[in-house]
C-alpha atoms as a PDB file:
ATOM      1  CA  ALA A   1      29.432 109.351  93.003  1.00  0.00           C
ATOM      2  CA  ALA A   2      26.123 108.235  94.474  1.00  0.00           C
ATOM      3  CA  THR A   3      25.489 104.642  95.342  1.00  0.00           C
ATOM      4  CA  GLY A   4      22.675 102.613  93.748  1.00  0.00           C
ATOM      5  CA  GLY A   5      20.124 103.846  96.280  1.00  0.00           C
ATOM      6  CA  GLY A   6      20.909 107.489  95.650  1.00  0.00           C
ATOM      7  CA  VAL A   7      22.624 107.771  99.083  1.00  0.00           C
ATOM      8  CA  PRO A   8      25.577 110.178  98.974  1.00  0.00           C
ATOM      9  CA  VAL A   9      29.038 108.789  99.511  1.00  0.00           C
ATOM     10  CA  VAL A  10      30.492 109.888 102.853  1.00  0.00           C
ATOM     11  CA  SER A  11      34.204 110.764 102.860  1.00  0.00           C
ATOM     12  CA  SER A  12      36.372 111.745 105.806  1.00  0.00           C
ATOM     13  CA  LEU A  13      38.067 115.127 105.853  1.00  0.00           C
ATOM     14  CA  SER A  14      40.658 113.930 108.354  1.00  0.00           C
ATOM     15  CA  ASN A  15      43.393 114.022 105.641  1.00  0.00           C
ATOM     16  CA  CYS A  16      42.363 117.357 104.109  1.00  0.00           C
ATOM     17  CA  GLY A  17      45.176 119.261 105.820  1.00  0.00           C
ATOM     18  CA  TYR A  18      43.135 120.930 108.574  1.00  0.00           C
ATOM     19  CA  TRP A  19      44.976 122.804 111.313  1.00  0.00           C
ATOM     20  CA  PHE A  20      44.161 124.544 114.574  1.00  0.00           C
ATOM     21  CA  GLU A  21      45.308 127.577 116.392  1.00  0.00           C
ATOM     22  CA  ASP A  22      44.804 128.643 120.011  1.00  0.00           C
ATOM     23  CA  VAL A  23      43.595 132.221 119.843  1.00  0.00           C
ATOM     24  CA  GLY A  24      42.939 133.073 123.481  1.00  0.00           C
ATOM     25  CA  GLU A  25      39.302 132.444 124.454  1.00  0.00           C
ATOM     26  CA  SER A  26      38.820 130.074 121.535  1.00  0.00           C
ATOM     27  CA  VAL A  27      40.476 127.534 119.320  1.00  0.00           C
ATOM     28  CA  LYS A  28      40.175 128.144 115.571  1.00  0.00           C
ATOM     29  CA  VAL A  29      40.136 125.051 113.364  1.00  0.00           C
ATOM     30  CA  SER A  30      40.653 125.774 109.626  1.00  0.00           C
ATOM     31  CA  VAL A  31      39.421 123.096 107.259  1.00  0.00           C
ATOM     32  CA  PRO A  32      40.465 123.583 103.586  1.00  0.00           C
ATOM     33  CA  LEU A  33      37.944 122.148 101.113  1.00  0.00           C
ATOM     34  CA  GLY A  34      39.470 123.135  97.759  1.00  0.00           C
ATOM     35  CA  SER A  35      40.545 119.567  96.940  1.00  0.00           C
ATOM     36  CA  VAL A  36      37.045 118.125  97.513  1.00  0.00           C
ATOM     37  CA  CYS A  37      34.792 121.037  96.508  1.00  0.00           C
ATOM     38  CA  PRO A  38      33.647 120.547  92.918  1.00  0.00           C
ATOM     39  CA  GLY A  39      32.284 124.073  92.420  1.00  0.00           C
ATOM     40  CA  GLU A  40      30.902 126.815  94.565  1.00  0.00           C
ATOM     41  CA  LEU A  41      30.916 126.536  98.393  1.00  0.00           C
ATOM     42  CA  SER A  42      28.118 128.209 100.314  1.00  0.00           C
ATOM     43  CA  LYS A  43      27.156 128.411 103.982  1.00  0.00           C
ATOM     44  CA  ALA A  44      24.077 126.269 103.295  1.00  0.00           C
ATOM     45  CA  MET A  45      26.320 123.302 102.417  1.00  0.00           C
ATOM     46  CA  ALA A  46      28.012 123.154 105.803  1.00  0.00           C
ATOM     47  CA  ALA A  47      26.775 122.257 109.234  1.00  0.00           C
ATOM     48  CA  VAL A  48      28.661 121.847 112.552  1.00  0.00           C
ATOM     49  CA  SER A  49      27.364 120.199 115.682  1.00  0.00           C
ATOM     50  CA  PHE A  50      29.081 120.790 119.030  1.00  0.00           C
ATOM     51  CA  SER A  51      29.081 119.119 122.453  1.00  0.00           C
ATOM     52  CA  ARG A  52      31.134 119.817 125.573  1.00  0.00           C
ATOM     53  CA  ILE A  53      33.990 117.600 124.327  1.00  0.00           C
ATOM     54  CA  SER A  54      33.455 117.178 120.578  1.00  0.00           C
ATOM     55  CA  PHE A  55      32.446 118.709 117.280  1.00  0.00           C
ATOM     56  CA  LYS A  56      31.484 117.389 113.867  1.00  0.00           C
ATOM     57  CA  LEU A  57      31.602 119.252 110.597  1.00  0.00           C
ATOM     58  CA  GLU A  58      29.540 117.976 107.628  1.00  0.00           C
ATOM     59  CA  VAL A  59      29.789 119.478 104.137  1.00  0.00           C
ATOM     60  CA  ARG A  60      27.228 118.297 101.559  1.00  0.00           C
ATOM     61  CA  PHE A  61      27.785 118.431  97.855  1.00  0.00           C
ATOM     62  CA  SER A  62      25.323 117.221  95.231  1.00  0.00           C
ATOM     63  CA  ASP A  63      26.705 113.739  95.099  1.00  0.00           C
ATOM     64  CA  SER A  64      28.819 113.344  98.253  1.00  0.00           C
ATOM     65  CA  MET A  65      29.146 114.364 101.896  1.00  0.00           C
ATOM     66  CA  HIS A  66      32.454 115.114 103.589  1.00  0.00           C
ATOM     67  CA  MET A  67      32.820 114.897 107.339  1.00  0.00           C
ATOM     68  CA  LEU A  68      35.408 115.902 109.958  1.00  0.00           C
ATOM     69  CA  SER A  69      34.611 114.429 113.333  1.00  0.00           C
ATOM     70  CA  MET A  70      36.486 115.180 116.513  1.00  0.00           C
ATOM     71  CA  PRO A  71      34.808 112.900 119.089  1.00  0.00           C
ATOM     72  CA  GLU A  72      37.187 113.730 121.950  1.00  0.00           C
ATOM     73  CA  LEU A  73      38.689 117.161 122.193  1.00  0.00           C
ATOM     74  CA  ALA A  74      41.697 117.859 124.412  1.00  0.00           C
ATOM     75  CA  TYR A  75      39.667 120.038 126.755  1.00  0.00           C
ATOM     76  CA  GLU A  76      36.027 121.068 127.269  1.00  0.00           C
ATOM     77  CA  ILE A  77      34.328 123.796 125.201  1.00  0.00           C
ATOM     78  CA  TYR A  78      31.144 125.826 125.466  1.00  0.00           C
ATOM     79  CA  PRO A  79      29.031 124.219 122.695  1.00  0.00           C
ATOM     80  CA  GLU A  80      26.351 126.909 122.835  1.00  0.00           C
ATOM     81  CA  ARG A  81      29.003 129.649 122.227  1.00  0.00           C
ATOM     82  CA  SER A  82      31.017 127.811 119.583  1.00  0.00           C
ATOM     83  CA  TYR A  83      30.325 128.628 115.910  1.00  0.00           C
ATOM     84  CA  TYR A  84      31.643 128.345 112.409  1.00  0.00           C
ATOM     85  CA  LYS A  85      32.129 130.460 109.257  1.00  0.00           C
ATOM     86  CA  VAL A  86      32.209 129.428 105.636  1.00  0.00           C
ATOM     87  CA  ARG A  87      34.863 131.224 103.515  1.00  0.00           C
ATOM     88  CA  GLU A  88      33.380 130.849 100.051  1.00  0.00           C
ATOM     89  CA  LYS A  89      36.229 132.356  98.036  1.00  0.00           C
ATOM     90  CA  SER A  90      39.016 130.393  99.693  1.00  0.00           C
ATOM     91  CA  LYS A  91      36.859 127.243  99.964  1.00  0.00           C
ATOM     92  CA  ARG A  92      37.396 126.632 103.688  1.00  0.00           C
ATOM     93  CA  VAL A  93      35.374 126.298 106.860  1.00  0.00           C
ATOM     94  CA  LEU A  94      36.577 127.944 110.054  1.00  0.00           C
ATOM     95  CA  VAL A  95      35.316 126.327 113.315  1.00  0.00           C
ATOM     96  CA  PHE A  96      35.587 128.374 116.479  1.00  0.00           C
ATOM     97  CA  LEU A  97      35.628 126.319 119.690  1.00  0.00           C
ATOM     98  CA  LEU A  98      34.941 128.553 122.705  1.00  0.00           C
ATOM     99  CA  LYS A  99      37.072 127.247 125.579  1.00  0.00           C
ATOM    100  CA  SER A 100      35.458 126.589 128.913  1.00  0.00           C
ATOM    101  CA  ASP A 101      38.781 127.486 130.492  1.00  0.00           C
ATOM    102  CA  ALA A 102      40.194 130.454 128.582  1.00  0.00           C
ATOM    103  CA  SER A 103      43.463 130.377 130.508  1.00  0.00           C
ATOM    104  CA  LYS A 104      44.324 126.847 129.330  1.00  0.00           C
ATOM    105  CA  GLN A 105      46.484 126.788 126.218  1.00  0.00           C
ATOM    106  CA  TRP A 106      45.683 124.064 123.686  1.00  0.00           C
ATOM    107  CA  ARG A 107      48.829 122.405 122.341  1.00  0.00           C
ATOM    108  CA  LYS A 108      46.800 119.587 120.775  1.00  0.00           C
ATOM    109  CA  LEU A 109      43.226 119.410 119.433  1.00  0.00           C
ATOM    110  CA  THR A 110      42.257 115.974 120.631  1.00  0.00           C
ATOM    111  CA  ALA A 111      42.658 114.106 123.915  1.00  0.00           C
ATOM    112  CA  VAL A 112      44.493 111.163 122.283  1.00  0.00           C
END
């Protein structure tokens, strides 16, 4: 639902049931969107920004935007080598965080 000024409502994806998995040189974060995606999901609807210690996923629908922000990751990543994939059929976004230290196992996603 848009507000009076036509600005989309921003909702957090922190309770969407996302999970992460250490897969060697990277950490894969899976973000299910089925509960918030009203129809089709396409790559054009998602954007991810990366820094050395954070990432932010934004998914825009016609009347709302959903965001998952991780401002302080457990360890450093290579932002220029990190990427994401949109799985249209299963309505999920996979975020791949390329570890700056591939030998370090991530037991948690955030520093806190």
